């Protein structure tokens, strides 16, 4: 009879372990489901924002728009750099002319 009790206790212990495992997995499932719902809500909000700001929520079109903005920005940076280079060149020329004029004045003084 003690053998049956031990087997019953072993079976009950196994069942208790399985219940704990089920409860843990179920808790994890609920957490993941809640997180999924929150992320889906956030995605819907972001799509709405993209639609209102850019006229589309299509990721392909948004990517194209971003690439075009980056290209335009690169062109502006290049133009700005060229402008600064030109200003620097002009300043160096003026500085050189001024130094030459000062040197000429100093050498021509009696």
PDB file of N, CA and C in Angstrom:
ATOM      1  N   UNK A   1       0.811  -1.178   0.000  1.00  0.00           N
ATOM      2  CA  UNK A   1       0.000   0.000   0.000  1.00  0.00           C
ATOM      3  C   UNK A   1       0.868   1.260   0.000  1.00  0.00           C
ATOM      4  N   UNK A   2       2.028   1.191   0.620  1.00  0.00           N
ATOM      5  CA  UNK A   2       2.912   2.343   0.645  1.00  0.00           C
ATOM      6  C   UNK A   2       3.443   2.635  -0.747  1.00  0.00           C
ATOM      7  N   UNK A   3       3.541   1.593  -1.595  1.00  0.00           N
ATOM      8  CA  UNK A   3       3.995   1.777  -2.961  1.00  0.00           C
ATOM      9  C   UNK A   3       2.982   2.593  -3.740  1.00  0.00           C
ATOM     10  N   UNK A   4       1.685   2.317  -3.562  1.00  0.00           N
ATOM     11  CA  UNK A   4       0.633   3.073  -4.237  1.00  0.00           C
ATOM     12  C   UNK A   4       0.634   4.515  -3.761  1.00  0.00           C
ATOM     13  N   UNK A   5       0.820   4.727  -2.496  1.00  0.00           N
ATOM     14  CA  UNK A   5       0.835   6.081  -1.951  1.00  0.00           C
ATOM     15  C   UNK A   5       2.037   6.835  -2.532  1.00  0.00           C
ATOM     16  N   UNK A   6       3.146   6.223  -2.607  1.00  0.00           N
ATOM     17  CA  UNK A   6       4.333   6.854  -3.152  1.00  0.00           C
ATOM     18  C   UNK A   6       4.122   7.177  -4.626  1.00  0.00           C
ATOM     19  N   UNK A   7       3.521   6.285  -5.361  1.00  0.00           N
ATOM     20  CA  UNK A   7       3.240   6.531  -6.773  1.00  0.00           C
ATOM     21  C   UNK A   7       2.237   7.673  -6.912  1.00  0.00           C
ATOM     22  N   UNK A   8       1.228   7.686  -6.036  1.00  0.00           N
ATOM     23  CA  UNK A   8       0.229   8.757  -6.077  1.00  0.00           C
ATOM     24  C   UNK A   8       0.877  10.086  -5.713  1.00  0.00           C
ATOM     25  N   UNK A   9       1.740  10.060  -4.732  1.00  0.00           N
ATOM     26  CA  UNK A   9       2.434  11.297  -4.339  1.00  0.00           C
ATOM     27  C   UNK A   9       3.359  11.767  -5.463  1.00  0.00           C
ATOM     28  N   UNK A  10       4.014  10.839  -6.097  1.00  0.00           N
ATOM     29  CA  UNK A  10       4.898  11.178  -7.211  1.00  0.00           C
ATOM     30  C   UNK A  10       4.086  11.784  -8.361  1.00  0.00           C
ATOM     31  N   UNK A  11       2.943  11.173  -8.649  1.00  0.00           N
ATOM     32  CA  UNK A  11       2.078  11.691  -9.712  1.00  0.00           C
ATOM     33  C   UNK A  11       1.575  13.084  -9.340  1.00  0.00           C
ATOM     34  N   UNK A  12       1.176  13.269  -8.082  1.00  0.00           N
ATOM     35  CA  UNK A  12       0.695  14.581  -7.627  1.00  0.00           C
ATOM     36  C   UNK A  12       1.810  15.620  -7.704  1.00  0.00           C
ATOM     37  N   UNK A  13       3.000  15.223  -7.335  1.00  0.00           N
ATOM     38  CA  UNK A  13       4.149  16.115  -7.403  1.00  0.00           C
ATOM     39  C   UNK A  13       4.419  16.518  -8.846  1.00  0.00           C
ATOM     40  N   UNK A  14       4.321  15.557  -9.760  1.00  0.00           N
ATOM     41  CA  UNK A  14       4.521  15.844 -11.178  1.00  0.00           C
ATOM     42  C   UNK A  14       3.445  16.793 -11.685  1.00  0.00           C
ATOM     43  N   UNK A  15       2.214  16.531 -11.270  1.00  0.00           N
ATOM     44  CA  UNK A  15       1.099  17.400 -11.685  1.00  0.00           C
ATOM     45  C   UNK A  15       1.297  18.810 -11.127  1.00  0.00           C
ATOM     46  N   UNK A  16       1.711  18.914  -9.885  1.00  0.00           N
ATOM     47  CA  UNK A  16       1.961  20.234  -9.282  1.00  0.00           C
ATOM     48  C   UNK A  16       3.064  20.979 -10.049  1.00  0.00           C
ATOM     49  N   UNK A  17       4.095  20.262 -10.406  1.00  0.00           N
ATOM     50  CA  UNK A  17       5.182  20.868 -11.185  1.00  0.00           C
ATOM     51  C   UNK A  17       4.693  21.346 -12.541  1.00  0.00           C
ATOM     52  N   UNK A  18       3.870  20.524 -13.177  1.00  0.00           N
ATOM     53  CA  UNK A  18       3.324  20.905 -14.482  1.00  0.00           C
ATOM     54  C   UNK A  18       2.390  22.110 -14.361  1.00  0.00           C
ATOM     55  N   UNK A  19       1.617  22.162 -13.287  1.00  0.00           N
ATOM     56  CA  UNK A  19       0.743  23.331 -13.067  1.00  0.00           C
ATOM     57  C   UNK A  19       1.567  24.608 -12.907  1.00  0.00           C
ATOM     58  N   UNK A  20       2.633  24.532 -12.140  1.00  0.00           N
ATOM     59  CA  UNK A  20       3.498  25.696 -11.942  1.00  0.00           C
ATOM     60  C   UNK A  20       4.099  26.133 -13.279  1.00  0.00           C
ATOM     61  N   UNK A  21       4.509  25.143 -14.037  1.00  0.00           N
ATOM     62  CA  UNK A  21       5.090  25.452 -15.348  1.00  0.00           C
ATOM     63  C   UNK A  21       4.047  26.091 -16.260  1.00  0.00           C
ATOM     64  N   UNK A  22       2.824  25.521 -16.244  1.00  0.00           N
ATOM     65  CA  UNK A  22       1.732  26.082 -17.039  1.00  0.00           C
ATOM     66  C   UNK A  22       1.435  27.510 -16.601  1.00  0.00           C
ATOM     67  N   UNK A  23       1.358  27.733 -15.298  1.00  0.00           N
ATOM     68  CA  UNK A  23       1.057  29.075 -14.780  1.00  0.00           C
ATOM     69  C   UNK A  23       2.130  30.081 -15.197  1.00  0.00           C
ATOM     70  N   UNK A  24       3.381  29.669 -15.134  1.00  0.00           N
ATOM     71  CA  UNK A  24       4.475  30.557 -15.536  1.00  0.00           C
ATOM     72  C   UNK A  24       4.384  30.864 -17.033  1.00  0.00           C
ATOM     73  N   UNK A  25       4.129  29.840 -17.827  1.00  0.00           N
ATOM     74  CA  UNK A  25       4.004  30.054 -19.274  1.00  0.00           C
ATOM     75  C   UNK A  25       2.787  30.906 -19.604  1.00  0.00           C
ATOM     76  N   UNK A  26       1.704  30.694 -18.902  1.00  0.00           N
ATOM     77  CA  UNK A  26       0.495  31.474 -19.129  1.00  0.00           C
ATOM     78  C   UNK A  26       0.732  32.944 -18.757  1.00  0.00           C
ATOM     79  N   UNK A  27       1.424  33.173 -17.662  1.00  0.00           N
ATOM     80  CA  UNK A  27       1.764  34.543 -17.256  1.00  0.00           C
ATOM     81  C   UNK A  27       2.629  35.204 -18.320  1.00  0.00           C
ATOM     82  N   UNK A  28       3.592  34.462 -18.817  1.00  0.00           N
ATOM     83  CA  UNK A  28       4.470  34.979 -19.874  1.00  0.00           C
ATOM     84  C   UNK A  28       3.676  35.284 -21.142  1.00  0.00           C
ATOM     85  N   UNK A  29       2.729  34.410 -21.488  1.00  0.00           N
ATOM     86  CA  UNK A  29       1.883  34.621 -22.661  1.00  0.00           C
ATOM     87  C   UNK A  29       1.061  35.902 -22.513  1.00  0.00           C
ATOM     88  N   UNK A  30       0.509  36.109 -21.343  1.00  0.00           N
ATOM     89  CA  UNK A  30      -0.292  37.310 -21.088  1.00  0.00           C
ATOM     90  C   UNK A  30       0.578  38.564 -21.204  1.00  0.00           C
ATOM     91  N   UNK A  31       1.783  38.515 -20.646  1.00  0.00           N
ATOM     92  CA  UNK A  31       2.694  39.658 -20.734  1.00  0.00           C
ATOM     93  C   UNK A  31       3.054  39.969 -22.183  1.00  0.00           C
ATOM     94  N   UNK A  32       3.355  38.928 -22.941  1.00  0.00           N
ATOM     95  CA  UNK A  32       3.724  39.109 -24.344  1.00  0.00           C
ATOM     96  C   UNK A  32       2.526  39.637 -25.133  1.00  0.00           C
ATOM     97  N   UNK A  33       1.349  39.123 -24.860  1.00  0.00           N
ATOM     98  CA  UNK A  33       0.142  39.591 -25.552  1.00  0.00           C
ATOM     99  C   UNK A  33      -0.105  41.063 -25.231  1.00  0.00           C
ATOM    100  N   UNK A  34       0.080  41.454 -23.995  1.00  0.00           N
ATOM    101  CA  UNK A  34      -0.103  42.847 -23.597  1.00  0.00           C
ATOM    102  C   UNK A  34       0.913  43.739 -24.291  1.00  0.00           C
ATOM    103  N   UNK A  35       2.154  43.285 -24.341  1.00  0.00           N
ATOM    104  CA  UNK A  35       3.211  44.041 -25.014  1.00  0.00           C
ATOM    105  C   UNK A  35       2.913  44.163 -26.511  1.00  0.00           C
ATOM    106  N   UNK A  36       2.448  43.077 -27.116  1.00  0.00           N
ATOM    107  CA  UNK A  36       2.103  43.087 -28.534  1.00  0.00           C
ATOM    108  C   UNK A  36       1.003  44.109 -28.814  1.00  0.00           C
ATOM    109  N   UNK A  37      -0.020  44.121 -27.986  1.00  0.00           N
ATOM    110  CA  UNK A  37      -1.120  45.065 -28.166  1.00  0.00           C
ATOM    111  C   UNK A  37      -0.632  46.504 -28.031  1.00  0.00           C
ATOM    112  N   UNK A  38       0.258  46.754 -27.064  1.00  0.00           N
ATOM    113  CA  UNK A  38       0.805  48.096 -26.885  1.00  0.00           C
ATOM    114  C   UNK A  38       1.624  48.502 -28.113  1.00  0.00           C
ATOM    115  N   UNK A  39       2.417  47.581 -28.634  1.00  0.00           N
ATOM    116  CA  UNK A  39       3.242  47.876 -29.812  1.00  0.00           C
ATOM    117  C   UNK A  39       2.381  48.088 -31.047  1.00  0.00           C
ATOM    118  N   UNK A  40       1.305  47.353 -31.173  1.00  0.00           N
ATOM    119  CA  UNK A  40       0.399  47.544 -32.307  1.00  0.00           C
ATOM    120  C   UNK A  40      -0.281  48.910 -32.227  1.00  0.00           C
ATOM    121  N   UNK A  41      -0.632  49.325 -31.022  1.00  0.00           N
ATOM    122  CA  UNK A  41      -1.217  50.653 -30.828  1.00  0.00           C
ATOM    123  C   UNK A  41      -0.209  51.727 -31.194  1.00  0.00           C
ATOM    124  N   UNK A  42       1.022  51.558 -30.754  1.00  0.00           N
ATOM    125  CA  UNK A  42       2.083  52.526 -31.059  1.00  0.00           C
ATOM    126  C   UNK A  42       2.344  52.581 -32.567  1.00  0.00           C
ATOM    127  N   UNK A  43       2.344  51.436 -33.225  1.00  0.00           N
ATOM    128  CA  UNK A  43       2.529  51.393 -34.672  1.00  0.00           C
ATOM    129  C   UNK A  43       1.408  52.155 -35.381  1.00  0.00           C
ATOM    130  N   UNK A  44       0.194  51.973 -34.942  1.00  0.00           N
ATOM    131  CA  UNK A  44      -0.943  52.677 -35.541  1.00  0.00           C
ATOM    132  C   UNK A  44      -0.791  54.190 -35.356  1.00  0.00           C
ATOM    133  N   UNK A  45      -0.326  54.605 -34.171  1.00  0.00           N
ATOM    134  CA  UNK A  45      -0.103  56.030 -33.911  1.00  0.00           C
ATOM    135  C   UNK A  45       0.986  56.582 -34.828  1.00  0.00           C
ATOM    136  N   UNK A  46       2.072  55.836 -34.976  1.00  0.00           N
ATOM    137  CA  UNK A  46       3.175  56.277 -35.830  1.00  0.00           C
ATOM    138  C   UNK A  46       2.748  56.349 -37.292  1.00  0.00           C
ATOM    139  N   UNK A  47       1.954  55.395 -37.724  1.00  0.00           N
ATOM    140  CA  UNK A  47       1.455  55.422 -39.097  1.00  0.00           C
ATOM    141  C   UNK A  47       0.568  56.645 -39.317  1.00  0.00           C
ATOM    142  N   UNK A  48      -0.252  56.955 -38.347  1.00  0.00           N
ATOM    143  CA  UNK A  48      -1.122  58.131 -38.431  1.00  0.00           C
ATOM    144  C   UNK A  48      -0.273  59.401 -38.497  1.00  0.00           C
ATOM    145  N   UNK A  49       0.755  59.477 -37.660  1.00  0.00           N
ATOM    146  CA  UNK A  49       1.665  60.632 -37.671  1.00  0.00           C
ATOM    147  C   UNK A  49       2.360  60.757 -39.025  1.00  0.00           C
ATOM    148  N   UNK A  50       2.849  59.650 -39.548  1.00  0.00           N
ATOM    149  CA  UNK A  50       3.537  59.665 -40.841  1.00  0.00           C
ATOM    150  C   UNK A  50       2.583  60.109 -41.946  1.00  0.00           C
ATOM    151  N   UNK A  51       1.377  59.629 -41.900  1.00  0.00           N
ATOM    152  CA  UNK A  51       0.374  60.001 -42.904  1.00  0.00           C
ATOM    153  C   UNK A  51       0.112  61.496 -42.861  1.00  0.00           C
ATOM    154  N   UNK A  52      -0.022  62.054 -41.658  1.00  0.00           N
ATOM    155  CA  UNK A  52      -0.325  63.487 -41.561  1.00  0.00           C
ATOM    156  C   UNK A  52       0.892  64.350 -41.889  1.00  0.00           C
ATOM    157  N   UNK A  53       2.086  63.908 -41.544  1.00  0.00           N
ATOM    158  CA  UNK A  53       3.290  64.714 -41.782  1.00  0.00           C
ATOM    159  C   UNK A  53       3.831  64.569 -43.201  1.00  0.00           C
ATOM    160  N   UNK A  54       3.765  63.372 -43.754  1.00  0.00           N
ATOM    161  CA  UNK A  54       4.421  63.101 -45.028  1.00  0.00           C
ATOM    162  C   UNK A  54       3.474  62.673 -46.139  1.00  0.00           C
ATOM    163  N   UNK A  55       2.200  62.532 -45.817  1.00  0.00           N
ATOM    164  CA  UNK A  55       1.220  62.157 -46.828  1.00  0.00           C
ATOM    165  C   UNK A  55       1.189  60.674 -47.144  1.00  0.00           C
ATOM    166  N   UNK A  56       1.955  59.891 -46.409  1.00  0.00           N
ATOM    167  CA  UNK A  56       1.962  58.436 -46.621  1.00  0.00           C
ATOM    168  C   UNK A  56       2.472  57.752 -45.360  1.00  0.00           C
ATOM    169  N   UNK A  57       2.066  56.502 -45.207  1.00  0.00           N
ATOM    170  CA  UNK A  57       2.629  55.685 -44.137  1.00  0.00           C
ATOM    171  C   UNK A  57       3.329  54.460 -44.715  1.00  0.00           C
ATOM    172  N   UNK A  58       3.482  54.462 -46.046  1.00  0.00           N
ATOM    173  CA  UNK A  58       4.160  53.369 -46.736  1.00  0.00           C
ATOM    174  C   UNK A  58       5.661  53.463 -46.480  1.00  0.00           C
ATOM    175  N   UNK A  59       6.239  52.421 -45.924  1.00  0.00           N
ATOM    176  CA  UNK A  59       7.653  52.431 -45.543  1.00  0.00           C
ATOM    177  C   UNK A  59       8.567  52.630 -46.752  1.00  0.00           C
ATOM    178  N   UNK A  60       8.205  52.078 -47.888  1.00  0.00           N
ATOM    179  CA  UNK A  60       9.004  52.246 -49.103  1.00  0.00           C
ATOM    180  C   UNK A  60       9.028  53.701 -49.559  1.00  0.00           C
ATOM    181  N   UNK A  61       7.865  54.333 -49.567  1.00  0.00           N
ATOM    182  CA  UNK A  61       7.790  55.738 -49.967  1.00  0.00           C
ATOM    183  C   UNK A  61       8.501  56.635 -48.953  1.00  0.00           C
ATOM    184  N   UNK A  62       8.342  56.321 -47.674  1.00  0.00           N
ATOM    185  CA  UNK A  62       9.029  57.102 -46.636  1.00  0.00           C
ATOM    186  C   UNK A  62      10.544  56.974 -46.781  1.00  0.00           C
ATOM    187  N   UNK A  63      10.998  55.784 -47.121  1.00  0.00           N
ATOM    188  CA  UNK A  63      12.438  55.565 -47.332  1.00  0.00           C
ATOM    189  C   UNK A  63      12.926  56.381 -48.517  1.00  0.00           C
ATOM    190  N   UNK A  64      12.155  56.395 -49.592  1.00  0.00           N
ATOM    191  CA  UNK A  64      12.516  57.199 -50.760  1.00  0.00           C
ATOM    192  C   UNK A  64      12.575  58.680 -50.405  1.00  0.00           C
ATOM    193  N   UNK A  65      11.595  59.139 -49.637  1.00  0.00           N
ATOM    194  CA  UNK A  65      11.562  60.550 -49.226  1.00  0.00           C
ATOM    195  C   UNK A  65      12.790  60.889 -48.381  1.00  0.00           C
ATOM    196  N   UNK A  66      13.147  59.995 -47.489  1.00  0.00           N
ATOM    197  CA  UNK A  66      14.320  60.212 -46.643  1.00  0.00           C
ATOM    198  C   UNK A  66      15.583  60.270 -47.489  1.00  0.00           C
ATOM    199  N   UNK A  67      15.706  59.368 -48.445  1.00  0.00           N
ATOM    200  CA  UNK A  67      16.885  59.367 -49.313  1.00  0.00           C
ATOM    201  C   UNK A  67      16.972  60.658 -50.121  1.00  0.00           C
ATOM    202  N   UNK A  68      15.841  61.152 -50.581  1.00  0.00           N
ATOM    203  CA  UNK A  68      15.822  62.406 -51.340  1.00  0.00           C
ATOM    204  C   UNK A  68      16.224  63.579 -50.436  1.00  0.00           C
ATOM    205  N   UNK A  69      15.725  63.589 -49.222  1.00  0.00           N
ATOM    206  CA  UNK A  69      16.104  64.642 -48.276  1.00  0.00           C
ATOM    207  C   UNK A  69      17.600  64.586 -47.957  1.00  0.00           C
ATOM    208  N   UNK A  70      18.125  63.389 -47.792  1.00  0.00           N
ATOM    209  CA  UNK A  70      19.558  63.235 -47.524  1.00  0.00           C
ATOM    210  C   UNK A  70      20.387  63.695 -48.718  1.00  0.00           C
ATOM    211  N   UNK A  71      19.919  63.378 -49.946  1.00  0.00           N
ATOM    212  CA  UNK A  71      20.621  63.808 -51.151  1.00  0.00           C
ATOM    213  C   UNK A  71      20.620  65.329 -51.251  1.00  0.00           C
ATOM    214  N   UNK A  72      19.449  65.940 -51.029  1.00  0.00           N
ATOM    215  CA  UNK A  72      19.340  67.400 -51.086  1.00  0.00           C
ATOM    216  C   UNK A  72      20.210  68.047 -50.020  1.00  0.00           C
ATOM    217  N   UNK A  73      20.237  67.464 -48.862  1.00  0.00           N
ATOM    218  CA  UNK A  73      21.064  67.995 -47.776  1.00  0.00           C
ATOM    219  C   UNK A  73      22.544  67.908 -48.134  1.00  0.00           C
ATOM    220  N   UNK A  74      22.951  66.807 -48.730  1.00  0.00           N
ATOM    221  CA  UNK A  74      24.351  66.646 -49.144  1.00  0.00           C
ATOM    222  C   UNK A  74      24.725  67.702 -50.181  1.00  0.00           C
ATOM    223  N   UNK A  75      23.809  67.994 -51.089  1.00  0.00           N
ATOM    224  CA  UNK A  75      24.063  69.037 -52.091  1.00  0.00           C
ATOM    225  C   UNK A  75      24.216  70.401 -51.426  1.00  0.00           C
ATOM    226  N   UNK A  76      23.370  70.684 -50.448  1.00  0.00           N
ATOM    227  CA  UNK A  76      23.446  71.964 -49.735  1.00  0.00           C
ATOM    228  C   UNK A  76      24.754  72.075 -48.958  1.00  0.00           C
ATOM    229  N   UNK A  77      25.165  70.994 -48.339  1.00  0.00           N
ATOM    230  CA  UNK A  77      26.438  70.991 -47.615  1.00  0.00           C
ATOM    231  C   UNK A  77      27.587  71.254 -48.589  1.00  0.00           C
ATOM    232  N   UNK A  78      27.538  70.607 -49.748  1.00  0.00           N
ATOM    233  CA  UNK A  78      28.580  70.789 -50.754  1.00  0.00           C
ATOM    234  C   UNK A  78      28.620  72.245 -51.237  1.00  0.00           C
ATOM    235  N   UNK A  79      27.460  72.834 -51.485  1.00  0.00           N
ATOM    236  CA  UNK A  79      27.387  74.229 -51.928  1.00  0.00           C
ATOM    237  C   UNK A  79      27.887  75.168 -50.837  1.00  0.00           C
ATOM    238  N   UNK A  80      27.532  74.880 -49.605  1.00  0.00           N
ATOM    239  CA  UNK A  80      27.982  75.704 -48.478  1.00  0.00           C
ATOM    240  C   UNK A  80      29.503  75.621 -48.340  1.00  0.00           C
ATOM    241  N   UNK A  81      30.046  74.429 -48.491  1.00  0.00           N
ATOM    242  CA  UNK A  81      31.492  74.233 -48.427  1.00  0.00           C
ATOM    243  C   UNK A  81      32.181  75.028 -49.534  1.00  0.00           C
ATOM    244  N   UNK A  82      31.622  74.972 -50.737  1.00  0.00           N
ATOM    245  CA  UNK A  82      32.202  75.719 -51.869  1.00  0.00           C
ATOM    246  C   UNK A  82      32.136  77.213 -51.599  1.00  0.00           C
ATOM    247  N   UNK A  83      31.051  77.659 -51.024  1.00  0.00           N
ATOM    248  CA  UNK A  83      30.906  79.080 -50.688  1.00  0.00           C
ATOM    249  C   UNK A  83      31.944  79.500 -49.654  1.00  0.00           C
ATOM    250  N   UNK A  84      32.111  78.700 -48.634  1.00  0.00           N
ATOM    251  CA  UNK A  84      33.117  79.008 -47.606  1.00  0.00           C
ATOM    252  C   UNK A  84      34.527  78.985 -48.191  1.00  0.00           C
ATOM    253  N   UNK A  85      34.792  78.031 -49.082  1.00  0.00           N
ATOM    254  CA  UNK A  85      36.104  77.962 -49.743  1.00  0.00           C
ATOM    255  C   UNK A  85      36.368  79.232 -50.543  1.00  0.00           C
ATOM    256  N   UNK A  86      35.340  79.706 -51.244  1.00  0.00           N
ATOM    257  CA  UNK A  86      35.468  80.918 -52.048  1.00  0.00           C
ATOM    258  C   UNK A  86      35.719  82.134 -51.151  1.00  0.00           C
ATOM    259  N   UNK A  87      34.995  82.226 -50.056  1.00  0.00           N
ATOM    260  CA  UNK A  87      35.188  83.334 -49.112  1.00  0.00           C
ATOM    261  C   UNK A  87      36.597  83.297 -48.542  1.00  0.00           C
ATOM    262  N   UNK A  88      37.029  82.098 -48.152  1.00  0.00           N
ATOM    263  CA  UNK A  88      38.378  81.963 -47.591  1.00  0.00           C
ATOM    264  C   UNK A  88      39.440  82.365 -48.613  1.00  0.00           C
ATOM    265  N   UNK A  89      39.241  81.952 -49.848  1.00  0.00           N
ATOM    266  CA  UNK A  89      40.190  82.293 -50.915  1.00  0.00           C
ATOM    267  C   UNK A  89      40.231  83.810 -51.109  1.00  0.00           C
ATOM    268  N   UNK A  90      39.066  84.444 -51.109  1.00  0.00           N
ATOM    269  CA  UNK A  90      39.003  85.901 -51.259  1.00  0.00           C
ATOM    270  C   UNK A  90      39.677  86.609 -50.093  1.00  0.00           C
ATOM    271  N   UNK A  91      39.442  86.114 -48.891  1.00  0.00           N
ATOM    272  CA  UNK A  91      40.064  86.717 -47.712  1.00  0.00           C
ATOM    273  C   UNK A  91      41.580  86.582 -47.755  1.00  0.00           C
ATOM    274  N   UNK A  92      42.056  85.420 -48.181  1.00  0.00           N
ATOM    275  CA  UNK A  92      43.505  85.226 -48.297  1.00  0.00           C
ATOM    276  C   UNK A  92      44.103  86.169 -49.343  1.00  0.00           C
ATOM    277  N   UNK A  93      43.372  86.374 -50.444  1.00  0.00           N
ATOM    278  CA  UNK A  93      43.841  87.279 -51.494  1.00  0.00           C
ATOM    279  C   UNK A  93      43.911  88.704 -50.966  1.00  0.00           C
ATOM    280  N   UNK A  94      42.849  89.143 -50.260  1.00  0.00           N
ATOM    281  CA  UNK A  94      42.820  90.500 -49.700  1.00  0.00           C
ATOM    282  C   UNK A  94      43.931  90.654 -48.666  1.00  0.00           C
ATOM    283  N   UNK A  95      44.093  89.649 -47.842  1.00  0.00           N
ATOM    284  CA  UNK A  95      45.138  89.697 -46.822  1.00  0.00           C
ATOM    285  C   UNK A  95      46.521  89.806 -47.470  1.00  0.00           C
ATOM    286  N   UNK A  96      46.733  89.030 -48.510  1.00  0.00           N
ATOM    287  CA  UNK A  96      48.016  89.061 -49.218  1.00  0.00           C
ATOM    288  C   UNK A  96      48.245  90.427 -49.865  1.00  0.00           C
ATOM    289  N   UNK A  97      47.201  90.976 -50.493  1.00  0.00           N
ATOM    290  CA  UNK A  97      47.318  92.297 -51.115  1.00  0.00           C
ATOM    291  C   UNK A  97      47.594  93.377 -50.078  1.00  0.00           C
ATOM    292  N   UNK A  98      46.942  93.256 -48.928  1.00  0.00           N
ATOM    293  CA  UNK A  98      47.146  94.237 -47.861  1.00  0.00           C
ATOM    294  C   UNK A  98      48.570  94.168 -47.331  1.00  0.00           C
ATOM    295  N   UNK A  99      49.066  92.974 -47.141  1.00  0.00           N
ATOM    296  CA  UNK A  99      50.445  92.815 -46.662  1.00  0.00           C
ATOM    297  C   UNK A  99      51.436  93.351 -47.693  1.00  0.00           C
ATOM    298  N   UNK A 100      51.159  93.093 -48.956  1.00  0.00           N
ATOM    299  CA  UNK A 100      52.048  93.577 -50.010  1.00  0.00           C
ATOM    300  C   UNK A 100      52.037  95.104 -50.044  1.00  0.00           C
ATOM    301  N   UNK A 101      50.862  95.691 -49.900  1.00  0.00           N
ATOM    302  CA  UNK A 101      50.761  97.156 -49.908  1.00  0.00           C
ATOM    303  C   UNK A 101      51.475  97.743 -48.701  1.00  0.00           C
ATOM    304  N   UNK A 102      51.339  97.123 -47.545  1.00  0.00           N
ATOM    305  CA  UNK A 102      52.018  97.603 -46.334  1.00  0.00           C
ATOM    306  C   UNK A 102      53.528  97.487 -46.490  1.00  0.00           C
ATOM    307  N   UNK A 103      53.976  96.388 -47.047  1.00  0.00           N
ATOM    308  CA  UNK A 103      55.411  96.201 -47.260  1.00  0.00           C
ATOM    309  C   UNK A 103      55.945  97.249 -48.235  1.00  0.00           C
ATOM    310  N   UNK A 104      55.194  97.545 -49.272  1.00  0.00           N
ATOM    311  CA  UNK A 104      55.612  98.510 -50.266  1.00  0.00           C
ATOM    312  C   UNK A 104      55.697  99.911 -49.649  1.00  0.00           C
ATOM    313  N   UNK A 105      54.737 100.245 -48.797  1.00  0.00           N
ATOM    314  CA  UNK A 105      54.748 101.537 -48.136  1.00  0.00           C
ATOM    315  C   UNK A 105      55.956 101.679 -47.213  1.00  0.00           C
ATOM    316  N   UNK A 106      56.253 100.608 -46.521  1.00  0.00           N
ATOM    317  CA  UNK A 106      57.365 100.667 -45.568  1.00  0.00           C
ATOM    318  C   UNK A 106      58.706 100.763 -46.280  1.00  0.00           C
ATOM    319  N   UNK A 107      58.827 100.118 -47.408  1.00  0.00           N
ATOM    320  CA  UNK A 107      60.096 100.200 -48.151  1.00  0.00           C
ATOM    321  C   UNK A 107      60.238 101.508 -48.904  1.00  0.00           C
ATOM    322  N   UNK A 108      59.140 102.185 -49.206  1.00  0.00           N
ATOM    323  CA  UNK A 108      59.223 103.441 -49.942  1.00  0.00           C
ATOM    324  C   UNK A 108      59.309 104.654 -49.029  1.00  0.00           C
ATOM    325  N   UNK A 109      59.253 104.483 -47.729  1.00  0.00           N
ATOM    326  CA  UNK A 109      59.374 105.591 -46.774  1.00  0.00           C
ATOM    327  C   UNK A 109      60.845 106.043 -46.720  1.00  0.00           C
ATOM    328  N   UNK A 110      61.037 107.387 -46.722  1.00  0.00           N
ATOM    329  CA  UNK A 110      62.420 107.879 -46.675  1.00  0.00           C
ATOM    330  C   UNK A 110      63.029 107.804 -45.316  1.00  0.00           C
TER     331      UNK A 110
END
